[in-house]
Amino acid sequence: MTASFSPFLIGVVAGMRALSAPALLSRHLSQSPANPLANSRLHFLTNPNAAKTLTVLAGTELLGDKAPNGPDRTSPPQLMVRLASGAVCGAAVGEAQGQSGRFGAVLGAAGALVGTFAFFHLRRYLTHERGLPDTAVALLEDALTLGAGWQVANTIATGNTSAS
């Protein structure tokens, strides 16, 4: 993955699960010996306590996603949270990789918008049109979310901007 694509991809992750993206980034950044956000307003993401808090919140989001009466991710409040998460995470990834934080924020928000609607419609298609159990589809989406988010976070922690 190229460095310029990473902020967009972390935004897609935020569109899938709003809190997983910042939790994965913060976890990686808090454990990294290098601190690429030392002079950034997003430095809080490198704090181990922030990483723990975000991880707990992301875990509750993963559980809440399986609730039958949860709000749609495309509802205005849910969408705004995902866009904000994508923007913050995109900015952090961009800055950590030596790019403009503002450009990263725009890419992250765009990725969140794409991720929100693409995975909303994909999940709806798989469950309503193909008859797959919603919980199974949600768990697959969780795995994709965590895998993609981990991959992006790993490029930051290692300083590597290409996928292995």
N, C-alpha and C. Protein backbone atom coordinates (compact mmCIF):
# COMPACT_ATOMS: atom_id res chain seq x y z
N MET A 1 0.85 -1.16 0.00
CA MET A 1 0.00 0.00 0.00
C MET A 1 0.89 1.22 0.00
N THR A 2 0.58 2.21 -0.83
CA THR A 2 1.38 3.42 -0.85
C THR A 2 0.99 4.30 0.31
N ALA A 3 1.92 5.15 0.72
CA ALA A 3 1.69 6.02 1.87
C ALA A 3 0.47 6.90 1.65
N SER A 4 0.26 7.41 0.45
CA SER A 4 -0.86 8.31 0.22
C SER A 4 -2.20 7.60 0.26
N PHE A 5 -2.22 6.31 0.08
CA PHE A 5 -3.47 5.55 0.13
C PHE A 5 -3.86 5.19 1.57
N SER A 6 -2.91 5.17 2.47
CA SER A 6 -3.15 4.75 3.85
C SER A 6 -4.19 5.60 4.58
N PRO A 7 -4.18 6.93 4.47
CA PRO A 7 -5.22 7.70 5.15
C PRO A 7 -6.63 7.37 4.63
N PHE A 8 -6.75 7.13 3.33
CA PHE A 8 -8.05 6.74 2.77
C PHE A 8 -8.48 5.39 3.33
N LEU A 9 -7.55 4.43 3.37
CA LEU A 9 -7.88 3.09 3.85
C LEU A 9 -8.28 3.10 5.32
N ILE A 10 -7.59 3.87 6.15
CA ILE A 10 -7.98 3.92 7.56
C ILE A 10 -9.36 4.57 7.69
N GLY A 11 -9.68 5.48 6.75
CA GLY A 11 -11.02 6.04 6.72
C GLY A 11 -12.07 5.00 6.38
N VAL A 12 -11.77 4.12 5.44
CA VAL A 12 -12.70 3.03 5.12
C VAL A 12 -12.93 2.18 6.36
N VAL A 13 -11.87 1.90 7.11
CA VAL A 13 -12.00 1.14 8.35
C VAL A 13 -12.92 1.88 9.32
N ALA A 14 -12.75 3.19 9.44
CA ALA A 14 -13.62 3.98 10.32
C ALA A 14 -15.07 3.95 9.84
N GLY A 15 -15.28 3.87 8.54
CA GLY A 15 -16.63 3.75 8.02
C GLY A 15 -17.27 2.41 8.36
N MET A 16 -16.44 1.38 8.47
CA MET A 16 -16.95 0.06 8.83
C MET A 16 -17.25 -0.02 10.33
N ARG A 17 -16.30 0.42 11.14
CA ARG A 17 -16.43 0.43 12.59
C ARG A 17 -15.75 1.70 13.09
N ALA A 18 -16.54 2.66 13.52
CA ALA A 18 -16.05 4.01 13.84
C ALA A 18 -14.93 4.03 14.88
N LEU A 19 -14.98 3.15 15.85
CA LEU A 19 -14.00 3.21 16.94
C LEU A 19 -12.83 2.25 16.76
N SER A 20 -12.95 1.32 15.84
CA SER A 20 -11.84 0.39 15.62
C SER A 20 -10.64 1.08 15.02
N ALA A 21 -10.87 2.01 14.11
CA ALA A 21 -9.74 2.70 13.46
C ALA A 21 -8.89 3.46 14.48
N PRO A 22 -9.48 4.33 15.32
CA PRO A 22 -8.63 5.03 16.29
C PRO A 22 -8.04 4.09 17.34
N ALA A 23 -8.77 3.04 17.70
CA ALA A 23 -8.24 2.09 18.69
C ALA A 23 -7.00 1.38 18.16
N LEU A 24 -7.07 0.90 16.93
CA LEU A 24 -5.92 0.21 16.34
C LEU A 24 -4.73 1.15 16.16
N LEU A 25 -5.00 2.36 15.68
CA LEU A 25 -3.91 3.33 15.52
C LEU A 25 -3.26 3.66 16.87
N SER A 26 -4.11 3.95 17.84
CA SER A 26 -3.58 4.33 19.15
C SER A 26 -2.80 3.19 19.80
N ARG A 27 -3.31 2.00 19.65
CA ARG A 27 -2.61 0.83 20.21
C ARG A 27 -1.21 0.69 19.60
N HIS A 28 -1.14 0.81 18.30
CA HIS A 28 0.15 0.70 17.61
C HIS A 28 1.08 1.85 17.99
N LEU A 29 0.55 3.05 17.94
CA LEU A 29 1.38 4.22 18.23
C LEU A 29 1.87 4.23 19.67
N SER A 30 1.05 3.76 20.60
CA SER A 30 1.46 3.76 22.01
C SER A 30 2.53 2.71 22.29
N GLN A 31 2.66 1.72 21.42
CA GLN A 31 3.66 0.67 21.62
C GLN A 31 4.89 0.86 20.74
N SER A 32 4.87 1.86 19.90
CA SER A 32 5.97 2.09 18.98
C SER A 32 7.09 2.87 19.65
N PRO A 33 8.35 2.45 19.47
CA PRO A 33 9.46 3.21 20.04
C PRO A 33 9.60 4.59 19.39
N ALA A 34 9.26 4.69 18.13
CA ALA A 34 9.28 5.98 17.44
C ALA A 34 7.97 6.70 17.75
N ASN A 35 8.01 8.01 17.80
CA ASN A 35 6.80 8.77 18.05
C ASN A 35 6.58 9.75 16.90
N PRO A 36 5.94 9.29 15.82
CA PRO A 36 5.78 10.15 14.66
C PRO A 36 4.80 11.31 14.87
N LEU A 37 4.08 11.31 15.99
CA LEU A 37 3.13 12.39 16.27
C LEU A 37 3.58 13.27 17.43
N ALA A 38 4.88 13.26 17.72
CA ALA A 38 5.39 13.99 18.89
C ALA A 38 5.02 15.47 18.87
N ASN A 39 5.04 16.10 17.73
CA ASN A 39 4.75 17.54 17.64
C ASN A 39 3.37 17.81 17.04
N SER A 40 2.47 16.87 17.17
CA SER A 40 1.15 16.97 16.56
C SER A 40 0.07 17.18 17.61
N ARG A 41 -1.02 17.81 17.19
CA ARG A 41 -2.18 17.91 18.09
C ARG A 41 -2.81 16.54 18.30
N LEU A 42 -2.44 15.58 17.48
CA LEU A 42 -2.97 14.21 17.59
C LEU A 42 -2.07 13.33 18.45
N HIS A 43 -1.16 13.95 19.16
CA HIS A 43 -0.22 13.23 20.03
C HIS A 43 -0.94 12.34 21.06
N PHE A 44 -2.15 12.72 21.45
CA PHE A 44 -2.90 11.92 22.43
C PHE A 44 -3.06 10.47 22.00
N LEU A 45 -3.01 10.22 20.70
CA LEU A 45 -3.16 8.84 20.22
C LEU A 45 -1.98 7.96 20.62
N THR A 46 -0.87 8.55 21.01
CA THR A 46 0.31 7.77 21.41
C THR A 46 0.28 7.41 22.90
N ASN A 47 -0.69 7.91 23.63
CA ASN A 47 -0.80 7.66 25.06
C ASN A 47 -1.36 6.26 25.33
N PRO A 48 -0.67 5.45 26.14
CA PRO A 48 -1.17 4.09 26.43
C PRO A 48 -2.56 4.08 27.07
N ASN A 49 -2.88 5.08 27.88
CA ASN A 49 -4.22 5.13 28.48
C ASN A 49 -5.29 5.41 27.43
N ALA A 50 -4.96 6.27 26.47
CA ALA A 50 -5.89 6.52 25.36
C ALA A 50 -6.11 5.24 24.56
N ALA A 51 -5.02 4.51 24.34
CA ALA A 51 -5.12 3.25 23.59
C ALA A 51 -6.03 2.26 24.32
N LYS A 52 -5.88 2.15 25.62
CA LYS A 52 -6.72 1.23 26.40
C LYS A 52 -8.18 1.66 26.35
N THR A 53 -8.43 2.94 26.53
CA THR A 53 -9.81 3.44 26.51
C THR A 53 -10.45 3.22 25.15
N LEU A 54 -9.73 3.56 24.10
CA LEU A 54 -10.26 3.37 22.75
C LEU A 54 -10.49 1.89 22.43
N THR A 55 -9.63 1.03 22.94
CA THR A 55 -9.79 -0.42 22.71
C THR A 55 -11.06 -0.92 23.39
N VAL A 56 -11.33 -0.47 24.60
CA VAL A 56 -12.56 -0.87 25.30
C VAL A 56 -13.78 -0.35 24.54
N LEU A 57 -13.72 0.90 24.13
CA LEU A 57 -14.85 1.47 23.38
C LEU A 57 -15.07 0.74 22.06
N ALA A 58 -13.98 0.39 21.38
CA ALA A 58 -14.10 -0.35 20.12
C ALA A 58 -14.70 -1.73 20.36
N GLY A 59 -14.31 -2.37 21.46
CA GLY A 59 -14.87 -3.67 21.80
C GLY A 59 -16.37 -3.59 22.04
N THR A 60 -16.81 -2.55 22.73
CA THR A 60 -18.26 -2.41 22.96
C THR A 60 -18.99 -2.10 21.66
N GLU A 61 -18.32 -1.37 20.75
CA GLU A 61 -18.93 -1.12 19.45
C GLU A 61 -19.09 -2.43 18.66
N LEU A 62 -18.08 -3.28 18.72
CA LEU A 62 -18.17 -4.56 18.01
C LEU A 62 -19.32 -5.40 18.57
N LEU A 63 -19.50 -5.38 19.87
CA LEU A 63 -20.61 -6.12 20.47
C LEU A 63 -21.95 -5.48 20.12
N GLY A 64 -22.01 -4.15 20.21
CA GLY A 64 -23.25 -3.44 19.92
C GLY A 64 -23.70 -3.58 18.48
N ASP A 65 -22.77 -3.79 17.59
CA ASP A 65 -23.10 -3.95 16.17
C ASP A 65 -23.96 -5.19 15.94
N LYS A 66 -23.84 -6.15 16.82
CA LYS A 66 -24.60 -7.40 16.65
C LYS A 66 -26.02 -7.29 17.21
N ALA A 67 -26.33 -6.19 17.91
CA ALA A 67 -27.68 -5.98 18.48
C ALA A 67 -28.67 -5.77 17.35
N PRO A 68 -29.83 -6.42 17.45
CA PRO A 68 -30.80 -6.34 16.35
C PRO A 68 -31.41 -4.95 16.15
N ASN A 69 -31.48 -4.14 17.18
CA ASN A 69 -32.15 -2.85 17.06
C ASN A 69 -31.19 -1.67 17.07
N GLY A 70 -29.94 -1.90 16.73
CA GLY A 70 -28.97 -0.80 16.70
C GLY A 70 -29.25 0.14 15.54
N PRO A 71 -28.79 1.38 15.66
CA PRO A 71 -29.03 2.34 14.57
C PRO A 71 -28.20 1.99 13.34
N ASP A 72 -28.73 2.34 12.18
CA ASP A 72 -27.99 2.16 10.93
C ASP A 72 -26.78 3.07 10.93
N ARG A 73 -25.69 2.58 10.38
CA ARG A 73 -24.47 3.39 10.28
C ARG A 73 -24.64 4.58 9.37
N THR A 74 -25.70 4.56 8.54
CA THR A 74 -25.93 5.66 7.61
C THR A 74 -26.83 6.75 8.20
N SER A 75 -27.35 6.55 9.41
CA SER A 75 -28.15 7.59 10.05
C SER A 75 -27.24 8.79 10.32
N PRO A 76 -27.77 10.00 10.28
CA PRO A 76 -26.91 11.19 10.41
C PRO A 76 -25.96 11.18 11.62
N PRO A 77 -26.40 10.84 12.84
CA PRO A 77 -25.44 10.85 13.95
C PRO A 77 -24.33 9.81 13.77
N GLN A 78 -24.69 8.62 13.33
CA GLN A 78 -23.69 7.56 13.11
C GLN A 78 -22.72 7.95 12.00
N LEU A 79 -23.26 8.51 10.93
CA LEU A 79 -22.43 8.91 9.81
C LEU A 79 -21.44 10.01 10.22
N MET A 80 -21.90 10.96 11.00
CA MET A 80 -21.02 12.05 11.43
C MET A 80 -19.87 11.52 12.29
N VAL A 81 -20.16 10.57 13.17
CA VAL A 81 -19.11 9.99 14.00
C VAL A 81 -18.09 9.26 13.13
N ARG A 82 -18.56 8.54 12.14
CA ARG A 82 -17.66 7.81 11.24
C ARG A 82 -16.80 8.77 10.41
N LEU A 83 -17.41 9.84 9.93
CA LEU A 83 -16.65 10.83 9.17
C LEU A 83 -15.59 11.50 10.05
N ALA A 84 -15.96 11.84 11.28
CA ALA A 84 -15.00 12.46 12.20
C ALA A 84 -13.87 11.49 12.53
N SER A 85 -14.23 10.24 12.78
CA SER A 85 -13.21 9.23 13.08
C SER A 85 -12.27 9.06 11.89
N GLY A 86 -12.84 8.98 10.69
CA GLY A 86 -12.03 8.84 9.50
C GLY A 86 -11.10 10.03 9.29
N ALA A 87 -11.62 11.24 9.55
CA ALA A 87 -10.81 12.44 9.38
C ALA A 87 -9.65 12.48 10.38
N VAL A 88 -9.95 12.20 11.64
CA VAL A 88 -8.89 12.22 12.67
C VAL A 88 -7.85 11.13 12.38
N CYS A 89 -8.32 9.95 12.08
CA CYS A 89 -7.38 8.84 11.81
C CYS A 89 -6.59 9.09 10.52
N GLY A 90 -7.25 9.61 9.50
CA GLY A 90 -6.55 9.94 8.26
C GLY A 90 -5.48 11.00 8.48
N ALA A 91 -5.80 12.00 9.30
CA ALA A 91 -4.82 13.04 9.62
C ALA A 91 -3.64 12.45 10.37
N ALA A 92 -3.93 11.58 11.33
CA ALA A 92 -2.85 10.95 12.12
C ALA A 92 -1.95 10.10 11.22
N VAL A 93 -2.55 9.31 10.36
CA VAL A 93 -1.76 8.47 9.45
C VAL A 93 -0.94 9.34 8.51
N GLY A 94 -1.58 10.37 7.96
CA GLY A 94 -0.86 11.26 7.07
C GLY A 94 0.34 11.91 7.75
N GLU A 95 0.12 12.46 8.93
CA GLU A 95 1.22 13.10 9.67
C GLU A 95 2.31 12.08 10.03
N ALA A 96 1.90 10.92 10.47
CA ALA A 96 2.88 9.89 10.86
C ALA A 96 3.73 9.45 9.69
N GLN A 97 3.19 9.57 8.49
CA GLN A 97 3.94 9.17 7.29
C GLN A 97 4.56 10.37 6.57
N GLY A 98 4.62 11.52 7.26
CA GLY A 98 5.29 12.69 6.71
C GLY A 98 4.50 13.46 5.68
N GLN A 99 3.18 13.23 5.64
CA GLN A 99 2.33 13.95 4.70
C GLN A 99 1.59 15.06 5.44
N SER A 100 0.80 15.80 4.71
CA SER A 100 -0.03 16.83 5.30
C SER A 100 -1.15 16.20 6.11
N GLY A 101 -1.31 16.66 7.34
CA GLY A 101 -2.41 16.18 8.17
C GLY A 101 -3.75 16.56 7.61
N ARG A 102 -3.84 17.75 7.03
CA ARG A 102 -5.11 18.20 6.45
C ARG A 102 -5.51 17.34 5.26
N PHE A 103 -4.54 17.05 4.40
CA PHE A 103 -4.81 16.18 3.25
C PHE A 103 -5.20 14.79 3.73
N GLY A 104 -4.51 14.28 4.76
CA GLY A 104 -4.86 12.99 5.35
C GLY A 104 -6.27 12.99 5.91
N ALA A 105 -6.67 14.12 6.53
CA ALA A 105 -8.02 14.22 7.08
C ALA A 105 -9.08 14.14 5.98
N VAL A 106 -8.83 14.82 4.88
CA VAL A 106 -9.77 14.79 3.75
C VAL A 106 -9.86 13.38 3.19
N LEU A 107 -8.70 12.74 3.00
CA LEU A 107 -8.71 11.36 2.50
C LEU A 107 -9.39 10.42 3.48
N GLY A 108 -9.13 10.60 4.77
CA GLY A 108 -9.76 9.76 5.78
C GLY A 108 -11.27 9.91 5.82
N ALA A 109 -11.74 11.15 5.74
CA ALA A 109 -13.19 11.39 5.72
C ALA A 109 -13.82 10.79 4.46
N ALA A 110 -13.14 10.95 3.33
CA ALA A 110 -13.65 10.36 2.08
C ALA A 110 -13.70 8.84 2.19
N GLY A 111 -12.65 8.26 2.76
CA GLY A 111 -12.65 6.81 2.97
C GLY A 111 -13.77 6.36 3.89
N ALA A 112 -14.02 7.14 4.94
CA ALA A 112 -15.10 6.80 5.87
C ALA A 112 -16.46 6.84 5.17
N LEU A 113 -16.65 7.83 4.31
CA LEU A 113 -17.90 7.93 3.56
C LEU A 113 -18.08 6.70 2.66
N VAL A 114 -17.03 6.36 1.94
CA VAL A 114 -17.07 5.19 1.06
C VAL A 114 -17.30 3.92 1.88
N GLY A 115 -16.53 3.75 2.95
CA GLY A 115 -16.65 2.55 3.78
C GLY A 115 -18.02 2.41 4.42
N THR A 116 -18.57 3.52 4.88
CA THR A 116 -19.89 3.49 5.52
C THR A 116 -20.94 2.94 4.56
N PHE A 117 -21.03 3.56 3.40
CA PHE A 117 -22.09 3.18 2.46
C PHE A 117 -21.80 1.87 1.74
N ALA A 118 -20.56 1.63 1.38
CA ALA A 118 -20.24 0.38 0.68
C ALA A 118 -20.53 -0.83 1.56
N PHE A 119 -20.09 -0.78 2.81
CA PHE A 119 -20.29 -1.95 3.66
C PHE A 119 -21.71 -2.03 4.22
N PHE A 120 -22.41 -0.91 4.32
CA PHE A 120 -23.83 -0.94 4.67
C PHE A 120 -24.60 -1.70 3.59
N HIS A 121 -24.37 -1.32 2.34
CA HIS A 121 -25.10 -1.95 1.23
C HIS A 121 -24.64 -3.39 1.00
N LEU A 122 -23.36 -3.67 1.17
CA LEU A 122 -22.88 -5.04 1.02
C LEU A 122 -23.50 -5.93 2.09
N ARG A 123 -23.52 -5.47 3.32
CA ARG A 123 -24.11 -6.27 4.41
C ARG A 123 -25.60 -6.49 4.17
N ARG A 124 -26.27 -5.44 3.76
CA ARG A 124 -27.71 -5.55 3.48
C ARG A 124 -27.95 -6.55 2.34
N TYR A 125 -27.13 -6.49 1.28
CA TYR A 125 -27.27 -7.40 0.16
C TYR A 125 -27.04 -8.85 0.61
N LEU A 126 -25.97 -9.08 1.36
CA LEU A 126 -25.65 -10.44 1.79
C LEU A 126 -26.70 -11.02 2.73
N THR A 127 -27.29 -10.18 3.57
CA THR A 127 -28.27 -10.69 4.53
C THR A 127 -29.69 -10.73 3.96
N HIS A 128 -30.07 -9.73 3.20
CA HIS A 128 -31.44 -9.67 2.69
C HIS A 128 -31.62 -10.38 1.36
N GLU A 129 -30.65 -10.24 0.47
CA GLU A 129 -30.79 -10.83 -0.86
C GLU A 129 -30.23 -12.25 -0.92
N ARG A 130 -29.17 -12.50 -0.21
CA ARG A 130 -28.52 -13.81 -0.25
C ARG A 130 -28.89 -14.69 0.94
N GLY A 131 -29.55 -14.11 1.92
CA GLY A 131 -30.04 -14.89 3.05
C GLY A 131 -28.99 -15.35 4.05
N LEU A 132 -27.83 -14.73 4.04
CA LEU A 132 -26.80 -15.10 5.02
C LEU A 132 -27.16 -14.54 6.38
N PRO A 133 -26.80 -15.24 7.44
CA PRO A 133 -27.11 -14.74 8.79
C PRO A 133 -26.36 -13.43 9.07
N ASP A 134 -27.09 -12.47 9.62
CA ASP A 134 -26.50 -11.17 9.89
C ASP A 134 -25.28 -11.26 10.80
N THR A 135 -25.35 -12.09 11.82
CA THR A 135 -24.22 -12.21 12.76
C THR A 135 -22.97 -12.72 12.05
N ALA A 136 -23.14 -13.68 11.16
CA ALA A 136 -21.99 -14.21 10.42
C ALA A 136 -21.38 -13.13 9.52
N VAL A 137 -22.22 -12.37 8.85
CA VAL A 137 -21.72 -11.29 7.98
C VAL A 137 -21.04 -10.22 8.82
N ALA A 138 -21.64 -9.90 9.96
CA ALA A 138 -21.05 -8.89 10.86
C ALA A 138 -19.68 -9.34 11.36
N LEU A 139 -19.55 -10.62 11.68
CA LEU A 139 -18.25 -11.13 12.16
C LEU A 139 -17.20 -11.10 11.05
N LEU A 140 -17.62 -11.38 9.83
CA LEU A 140 -16.69 -11.27 8.70
C LEU A 140 -16.26 -9.82 8.50
N GLU A 141 -17.21 -8.91 8.65
CA GLU A 141 -16.88 -7.49 8.53
C GLU A 141 -15.94 -7.06 9.66
N ASP A 142 -16.16 -7.58 10.86
CA ASP A 142 -15.25 -7.30 11.98
C ASP A 142 -13.84 -7.76 11.64
N ALA A 143 -13.72 -8.95 11.11
CA ALA A 143 -12.40 -9.49 10.77
C ALA A 143 -11.72 -8.63 9.70
N LEU A 144 -12.47 -8.22 8.70
CA LEU A 144 -11.92 -7.36 7.65
C LEU A 144 -11.52 -6.00 8.23
N THR A 145 -12.34 -5.47 9.09
CA THR A 145 -12.05 -4.19 9.75
C THR A 145 -10.75 -4.27 10.52
N LEU A 146 -10.62 -5.28 11.34
CA LEU A 146 -9.43 -5.42 12.18
C LEU A 146 -8.19 -5.70 11.33
N GLY A 147 -8.33 -6.54 10.32
CA GLY A 147 -7.18 -6.85 9.47
C GLY A 147 -6.69 -5.64 8.68
N ALA A 148 -7.62 -4.92 8.08
CA ALA A 148 -7.23 -3.73 7.30
C ALA A 148 -6.68 -2.64 8.21
N GLY A 149 -7.33 -2.43 9.34
CA GLY A 149 -6.86 -1.42 10.29
C GLY A 149 -5.49 -1.76 10.84
N TRP A 150 -5.28 -3.02 11.15
CA TRP A 150 -3.97 -3.47 11.65
C TRP A 150 -2.89 -3.26 10.60
N GLN A 151 -3.21 -3.55 9.35
CA GLN A 151 -2.25 -3.38 8.27
C GLN A 151 -1.83 -1.92 8.15
N VAL A 152 -2.79 -1.00 8.17
CA VAL A 152 -2.46 0.42 8.07
C VAL A 152 -1.65 0.85 9.29
N ALA A 153 -2.11 0.47 10.47
CA ALA A 153 -1.40 0.84 11.70
C ALA A 153 0.02 0.30 11.68
N ASN A 154 0.21 -0.89 11.19
CA ASN A 154 1.53 -1.50 11.14
C ASN A 154 2.49 -0.72 10.23
N THR A 155 1.98 -0.14 9.17
CA THR A 155 2.85 0.65 8.30
C THR A 155 3.37 1.88 9.03
N ILE A 156 2.61 2.38 9.98
CA ILE A 156 3.04 3.55 10.75
C ILE A 156 4.06 3.16 11.79
N ALA A 157 3.74 2.14 12.58
CA ALA A 157 4.62 1.74 13.68
C ALA A 157 5.98 1.30 13.19
N THR A 158 6.04 0.70 12.01
CA THR A 158 7.31 0.21 11.50
C THR A 158 8.00 1.23 10.63
N GLY A 159 7.26 2.26 10.23
CA GLY A 159 7.82 3.23 9.31
C GLY A 159 7.83 2.72 7.88
N ASN A 160 7.25 1.56 7.67
CA ASN A 160 7.18 0.94 6.35
C ASN A 160 5.93 1.44 5.64
N THR A 161 6.05 1.94 4.43
CA THR A 161 4.90 2.45 3.70
C THR A 161 4.48 1.54 2.56
N SER A 162 4.95 0.31 2.55
CA SER A 162 4.47 -0.64 1.54
C SER A 162 4.08 -1.94 2.24
N ALA A 163 3.03 -2.55 1.74
CA ALA A 163 2.55 -3.79 2.35
C ALA A 163 3.53 -4.92 2.06
N SER A 164 3.65 -5.84 3.00
CA SER A 164 4.54 -6.99 2.80
C SER A 164 3.80 -8.07 2.08
